[in-house]
Amino acid sequence: MPEFSWPDRSLLPASDVIDQSWPATVSALPLGSHVSGWVIGRQPFGVFLLLDGVPNAVGLAEITAMPHRMELPALGAAVAGKVIWHADHNCQVKIRLDEWHLPG
C-alpha cells in the first residue's frame, strides 16, 4: 500500500451532492462539536475523513492540527476529534484529531 493516496472516489459522495449538502453539514457539525469517522485518504499535509452520522460531509485533519510528534493515521483508521473550521470554498470540515486507532 502506498504511503500517500487521494480518497477513492467511490467512497465519496458526488461533488454536487457535497456542495448542495454544505449548509446542512455546517448546521450538523458546529464549531467545537466532537466527531468520529475514518480515514479515506492520506497526504503529507493531513488526512481526508468520512464522518459518522453526516453522510455527505468530507473532513480534513491537517497535520498542523494533530498532537505533536504523532504520525498520520493509516488508511481505514478510526478517528475522533473536534470541528475547528468550515472551509466554505471547498466544502470541507476541518478537524483537530485527538485520537485514532488502527483498522481491524
N, C-alpha and C. Protein backbone atom coordinates (compact mmCIF):
# COMPACT_ATOMS: atom_id res chain seq x y z
N MET A 1 0.85 -1.17 0.00
CA MET A 1 0.00 0.00 0.00
C MET A 1 0.90 1.24 0.00
N PRO A 2 0.59 2.23 -0.87
CA PRO A 2 1.41 3.44 -0.88
C PRO A 2 1.23 4.24 0.41
N GLU A 3 2.27 5.00 0.74
CA GLU A 3 2.21 5.80 1.97
C GLU A 3 1.16 6.89 1.87
N PHE A 4 1.02 7.49 0.66
CA PHE A 4 0.06 8.57 0.46
C PHE A 4 -0.90 8.21 -0.65
N SER A 5 -2.14 8.64 -0.51
CA SER A 5 -3.14 8.39 -1.53
C SER A 5 -4.27 9.40 -1.40
N TRP A 6 -4.88 9.73 -2.52
CA TRP A 6 -6.08 10.56 -2.51
C TRP A 6 -7.26 9.66 -2.18
N PRO A 7 -8.35 10.23 -1.67
CA PRO A 7 -9.52 9.39 -1.37
C PRO A 7 -10.04 8.68 -2.62
N ASP A 8 -10.44 7.45 -2.45
CA ASP A 8 -11.08 6.68 -3.51
C ASP A 8 -12.42 7.34 -3.81
N ARG A 9 -12.61 7.78 -5.03
CA ARG A 9 -13.85 8.49 -5.39
C ARG A 9 -15.10 7.67 -5.14
N SER A 10 -14.97 6.35 -5.16
CA SER A 10 -16.16 5.51 -4.91
C SER A 10 -16.63 5.61 -3.46
N LEU A 11 -15.77 6.11 -2.57
CA LEU A 11 -16.13 6.28 -1.16
C LEU A 11 -16.79 7.63 -0.89
N LEU A 12 -16.64 8.56 -1.84
CA LEU A 12 -17.13 9.93 -1.63
C LEU A 12 -18.47 10.16 -2.31
N PRO A 13 -19.31 10.99 -1.72
CA PRO A 13 -20.50 11.44 -2.44
C PRO A 13 -20.06 12.28 -3.65
N ALA A 14 -20.92 12.41 -4.64
CA ALA A 14 -20.61 13.25 -5.80
C ALA A 14 -20.39 14.69 -5.33
N SER A 15 -19.52 15.41 -6.04
CA SER A 15 -19.18 16.78 -5.61
C SER A 15 -20.40 17.69 -5.58
N ASP A 16 -21.36 17.51 -6.49
CA ASP A 16 -22.56 18.36 -6.45
C ASP A 16 -23.41 18.05 -5.22
N VAL A 17 -23.41 16.79 -4.78
CA VAL A 17 -24.14 16.42 -3.56
C VAL A 17 -23.47 17.04 -2.34
N ILE A 18 -22.15 17.01 -2.30
CA ILE A 18 -21.42 17.64 -1.20
C ILE A 18 -21.74 19.14 -1.16
N ASP A 19 -21.70 19.79 -2.32
CA ASP A 19 -22.00 21.23 -2.39
C ASP A 19 -23.42 21.53 -1.93
N GLN A 20 -24.40 20.77 -2.41
CA GLN A 20 -25.80 21.00 -2.06
C GLN A 20 -26.05 20.74 -0.58
N SER A 21 -25.31 19.82 0.00
CA SER A 21 -25.48 19.46 1.40
C SER A 21 -24.70 20.35 2.35
N TRP A 22 -23.87 21.26 1.82
CA TRP A 22 -22.98 22.05 2.67
C TRP A 22 -23.71 22.81 3.77
N PRO A 23 -24.81 23.52 3.51
CA PRO A 23 -25.48 24.21 4.62
C PRO A 23 -25.93 23.25 5.73
N ALA A 24 -26.45 22.08 5.36
CA ALA A 24 -26.86 21.09 6.36
C ALA A 24 -25.65 20.53 7.11
N THR A 25 -24.54 20.36 6.41
CA THR A 25 -23.31 19.86 7.05
C THR A 25 -22.84 20.85 8.11
N VAL A 26 -22.78 22.13 7.77
CA VAL A 26 -22.34 23.16 8.71
C VAL A 26 -23.27 23.19 9.92
N SER A 27 -24.56 23.07 9.68
CA SER A 27 -25.54 23.07 10.77
C SER A 27 -25.38 21.85 11.67
N ALA A 28 -25.11 20.69 11.07
CA ALA A 28 -24.98 19.44 11.84
C ALA A 28 -23.67 19.35 12.60
N LEU A 29 -22.65 20.09 12.14
CA LEU A 29 -21.31 20.00 12.72
C LEU A 29 -20.80 21.39 13.12
N PRO A 30 -21.40 22.01 14.14
CA PRO A 30 -20.94 23.34 14.53
C PRO A 30 -19.51 23.30 15.09
N LEU A 31 -18.86 24.46 15.04
CA LEU A 31 -17.50 24.55 15.60
C LEU A 31 -17.51 24.05 17.03
N GLY A 32 -16.50 23.27 17.36
CA GLY A 32 -16.37 22.73 18.71
C GLY A 32 -17.05 21.39 18.92
N SER A 33 -17.85 20.95 17.95
CA SER A 33 -18.53 19.67 18.14
C SER A 33 -17.54 18.51 17.97
N HIS A 34 -17.79 17.45 18.71
CA HIS A 34 -16.95 16.26 18.64
C HIS A 34 -17.47 15.35 17.54
N VAL A 35 -16.54 14.79 16.77
CA VAL A 35 -16.88 13.94 15.64
C VAL A 35 -16.03 12.68 15.66
N SER A 36 -16.51 11.69 14.95
CA SER A 36 -15.72 10.49 14.73
C SER A 36 -15.91 10.10 13.26
N GLY A 37 -15.02 9.28 12.79
CA GLY A 37 -15.10 8.85 11.41
C GLY A 37 -13.94 7.94 11.08
N TRP A 38 -13.59 7.88 9.79
CA TRP A 38 -12.48 7.02 9.39
C TRP A 38 -11.71 7.64 8.23
N VAL A 39 -10.44 7.29 8.15
CA VAL A 39 -9.52 7.86 7.18
C VAL A 39 -9.73 7.21 5.81
N ILE A 40 -9.95 8.07 4.79
CA ILE A 40 -10.13 7.57 3.42
C ILE A 40 -9.03 8.04 2.47
N GLY A 41 -8.14 8.91 2.93
CA GLY A 41 -7.04 9.36 2.10
C GLY A 41 -5.95 9.98 2.96
N ARG A 42 -4.70 9.84 2.51
CA ARG A 42 -3.54 10.37 3.25
C ARG A 42 -2.67 11.17 2.30
N GLN A 43 -2.27 12.35 2.74
CA GLN A 43 -1.33 13.19 2.01
C GLN A 43 -0.32 13.73 3.03
N PRO A 44 0.81 14.24 2.58
CA PRO A 44 1.80 14.75 3.53
C PRO A 44 1.24 15.84 4.45
N PHE A 45 0.21 16.56 3.99
CA PHE A 45 -0.34 17.67 4.78
C PHE A 45 -1.45 17.24 5.74
N GLY A 46 -1.96 16.00 5.63
CA GLY A 46 -3.02 15.55 6.52
C GLY A 46 -3.81 14.39 5.94
N VAL A 47 -4.97 14.14 6.57
CA VAL A 47 -5.81 13.01 6.15
C VAL A 47 -7.23 13.48 5.84
N PHE A 48 -7.83 12.81 4.85
CA PHE A 48 -9.22 13.05 4.50
C PHE A 48 -10.08 12.04 5.25
N LEU A 49 -11.26 12.49 5.68
CA LEU A 49 -12.11 11.68 6.54
C LEU A 49 -13.54 11.63 6.04
N LEU A 50 -14.17 10.49 6.23
CA LEU A 50 -15.63 10.40 6.16
C LEU A 50 -16.10 10.44 7.60
N LEU A 51 -17.10 11.26 7.86
CA LEU A 51 -17.53 11.49 9.24
C LEU A 51 -18.81 10.73 9.55
N ASP A 52 -18.84 10.09 10.69
CA ASP A 52 -20.00 9.31 11.13
C ASP A 52 -21.21 10.23 11.30
N GLY A 53 -22.36 9.76 10.83
CA GLY A 53 -23.62 10.46 11.06
C GLY A 53 -23.90 11.62 10.13
N VAL A 54 -22.96 11.98 9.27
CA VAL A 54 -23.17 13.07 8.32
C VAL A 54 -22.67 12.56 6.96
N PRO A 55 -23.53 11.85 6.23
CA PRO A 55 -23.07 11.10 5.06
C PRO A 55 -22.50 11.92 3.92
N ASN A 56 -22.84 13.19 3.80
CA ASN A 56 -22.33 13.98 2.68
C ASN A 56 -21.24 14.96 3.10
N ALA A 57 -20.62 14.70 4.25
CA ALA A 57 -19.55 15.57 4.75
C ALA A 57 -18.19 14.94 4.48
N VAL A 58 -17.25 15.79 4.11
CA VAL A 58 -15.86 15.38 3.95
C VAL A 58 -15.04 16.18 4.96
N GLY A 59 -14.26 15.47 5.76
CA GLY A 59 -13.41 16.11 6.74
C GLY A 59 -11.97 16.11 6.30
N LEU A 60 -11.22 17.07 6.80
CA LEU A 60 -9.78 17.12 6.58
C LEU A 60 -9.13 17.45 7.91
N ALA A 61 -8.23 16.59 8.32
CA ALA A 61 -7.42 16.83 9.52
C ALA A 61 -6.00 17.11 9.03
N GLU A 62 -5.60 18.37 9.11
CA GLU A 62 -4.26 18.75 8.67
C GLU A 62 -3.25 18.36 9.74
N ILE A 63 -2.04 18.09 9.31
CA ILE A 63 -1.00 17.64 10.23
C ILE A 63 -0.74 18.68 11.32
N THR A 64 -0.98 19.96 11.01
CA THR A 64 -0.78 21.01 12.00
C THR A 64 -1.84 20.98 13.10
N ALA A 65 -2.92 20.21 12.88
CA ALA A 65 -3.99 20.10 13.87
C ALA A 65 -4.02 18.72 14.52
N MET A 66 -2.86 18.09 14.60
CA MET A 66 -2.72 16.79 15.25
C MET A 66 -1.78 16.91 16.43
N PRO A 67 -1.89 15.99 17.38
CA PRO A 67 -0.95 16.03 18.50
C PRO A 67 0.50 16.01 18.02
N HIS A 68 1.34 16.79 18.67
CA HIS A 68 2.75 16.91 18.31
C HIS A 68 3.42 15.53 18.30
N ARG A 69 4.22 15.31 17.27
CA ARG A 69 5.03 14.09 17.11
C ARG A 69 4.22 12.84 16.83
N MET A 70 2.95 12.98 16.50
CA MET A 70 2.15 11.81 16.14
C MET A 70 2.24 11.63 14.62
N GLU A 71 2.26 10.39 14.18
CA GLU A 71 2.27 10.11 12.76
C GLU A 71 0.84 10.17 12.23
N LEU A 72 0.73 10.40 10.93
CA LEU A 72 -0.59 10.40 10.30
C LEU A 72 -1.28 9.06 10.53
N PRO A 73 -2.58 9.07 10.80
CA PRO A 73 -3.28 7.80 10.93
C PRO A 73 -3.31 7.07 9.59
N ALA A 74 -3.38 5.75 9.65
CA ALA A 74 -3.38 4.90 8.46
C ALA A 74 -4.73 4.95 7.75
N LEU A 75 -4.73 4.60 6.47
CA LEU A 75 -5.99 4.43 5.75
C LEU A 75 -6.87 3.44 6.51
N GLY A 76 -8.13 3.77 6.66
CA GLY A 76 -9.06 2.90 7.37
C GLY A 76 -9.08 3.08 8.86
N ALA A 77 -8.17 3.88 9.41
CA ALA A 77 -8.13 4.08 10.87
C ALA A 77 -9.39 4.81 11.34
N ALA A 78 -9.89 4.39 12.50
CA ALA A 78 -10.99 5.10 13.15
C ALA A 78 -10.40 6.29 13.87
N VAL A 79 -11.04 7.46 13.73
CA VAL A 79 -10.51 8.69 14.31
C VAL A 79 -11.60 9.42 15.08
N ALA A 80 -11.17 10.30 15.96
CA ALA A 80 -12.09 11.18 16.69
C ALA A 80 -11.41 12.51 16.88
N GLY A 81 -12.20 13.56 16.96
CA GLY A 81 -11.65 14.88 17.15
C GLY A 81 -12.73 15.93 17.27
N LYS A 82 -12.34 17.18 17.01
CA LYS A 82 -13.23 18.31 17.20
C LYS A 82 -13.23 19.17 15.93
N VAL A 83 -14.41 19.69 15.58
CA VAL A 83 -14.54 20.59 14.43
C VAL A 83 -13.91 21.93 14.79
N ILE A 84 -12.95 22.38 13.95
CA ILE A 84 -12.27 23.65 14.21
C ILE A 84 -12.52 24.70 13.14
N TRP A 85 -13.08 24.30 11.97
CA TRP A 85 -13.29 25.28 10.91
C TRP A 85 -14.19 24.68 9.84
N HIS A 86 -14.91 25.55 9.15
CA HIS A 86 -15.69 25.15 7.97
C HIS A 86 -15.08 25.87 6.78
N ALA A 87 -14.52 25.13 5.85
CA ALA A 87 -13.90 25.71 4.66
C ALA A 87 -14.95 25.80 3.56
N ASP A 88 -15.60 26.95 3.48
CA ASP A 88 -16.69 27.14 2.51
C ASP A 88 -16.23 26.98 1.06
N HIS A 89 -15.01 27.38 0.76
CA HIS A 89 -14.55 27.37 -0.63
C HIS A 89 -14.46 25.96 -1.22
N ASN A 90 -14.25 24.94 -0.40
CA ASN A 90 -14.19 23.57 -0.92
C ASN A 90 -15.06 22.60 -0.12
N CYS A 91 -15.95 23.14 0.69
CA CYS A 91 -16.93 22.33 1.45
C CYS A 91 -16.26 21.23 2.27
N GLN A 92 -15.20 21.60 3.00
CA GLN A 92 -14.53 20.65 3.88
C GLN A 92 -14.68 21.09 5.33
N VAL A 93 -14.88 20.11 6.18
CA VAL A 93 -14.93 20.34 7.61
C VAL A 93 -13.53 20.07 8.15
N LYS A 94 -12.92 21.09 8.73
CA LYS A 94 -11.57 20.93 9.29
C LYS A 94 -11.69 20.36 10.70
N ILE A 95 -10.90 19.33 10.96
CA ILE A 95 -10.97 18.59 12.22
C ILE A 95 -9.62 18.61 12.91
N ARG A 96 -9.62 18.78 14.24
CA ARG A 96 -8.41 18.58 15.05
C ARG A 96 -8.55 17.20 15.67
N LEU A 97 -7.70 16.29 15.26
CA LEU A 97 -7.77 14.92 15.78
C LEU A 97 -7.18 14.83 17.17
N ASP A 98 -7.81 14.02 18.02
CA ASP A 98 -7.22 13.77 19.32
C ASP A 98 -7.01 12.28 19.59
N GLU A 99 -7.55 11.44 18.71
CA GLU A 99 -7.27 10.01 18.86
C GLU A 99 -7.55 9.28 17.56
N TRP A 100 -6.84 8.16 17.39
CA TRP A 100 -7.11 7.27 16.27
C TRP A 100 -6.61 5.88 16.59
N HIS A 101 -7.23 4.92 15.90
CA HIS A 101 -6.93 3.51 16.14
C HIS A 101 -6.73 2.82 14.80
N LEU A 102 -5.81 1.90 14.77
CA LEU A 102 -5.55 1.16 13.54
C LEU A 102 -6.77 0.34 13.14
N PRO A 103 -6.98 0.18 11.82
CA PRO A 103 -8.12 -0.62 11.38
C PRO A 103 -7.96 -2.07 11.81
N GLY A 104 -9.12 -2.72 11.95
CA GLY A 104 -9.11 -4.14 12.28
C GLY A 104 -9.12 -4.33 13.72
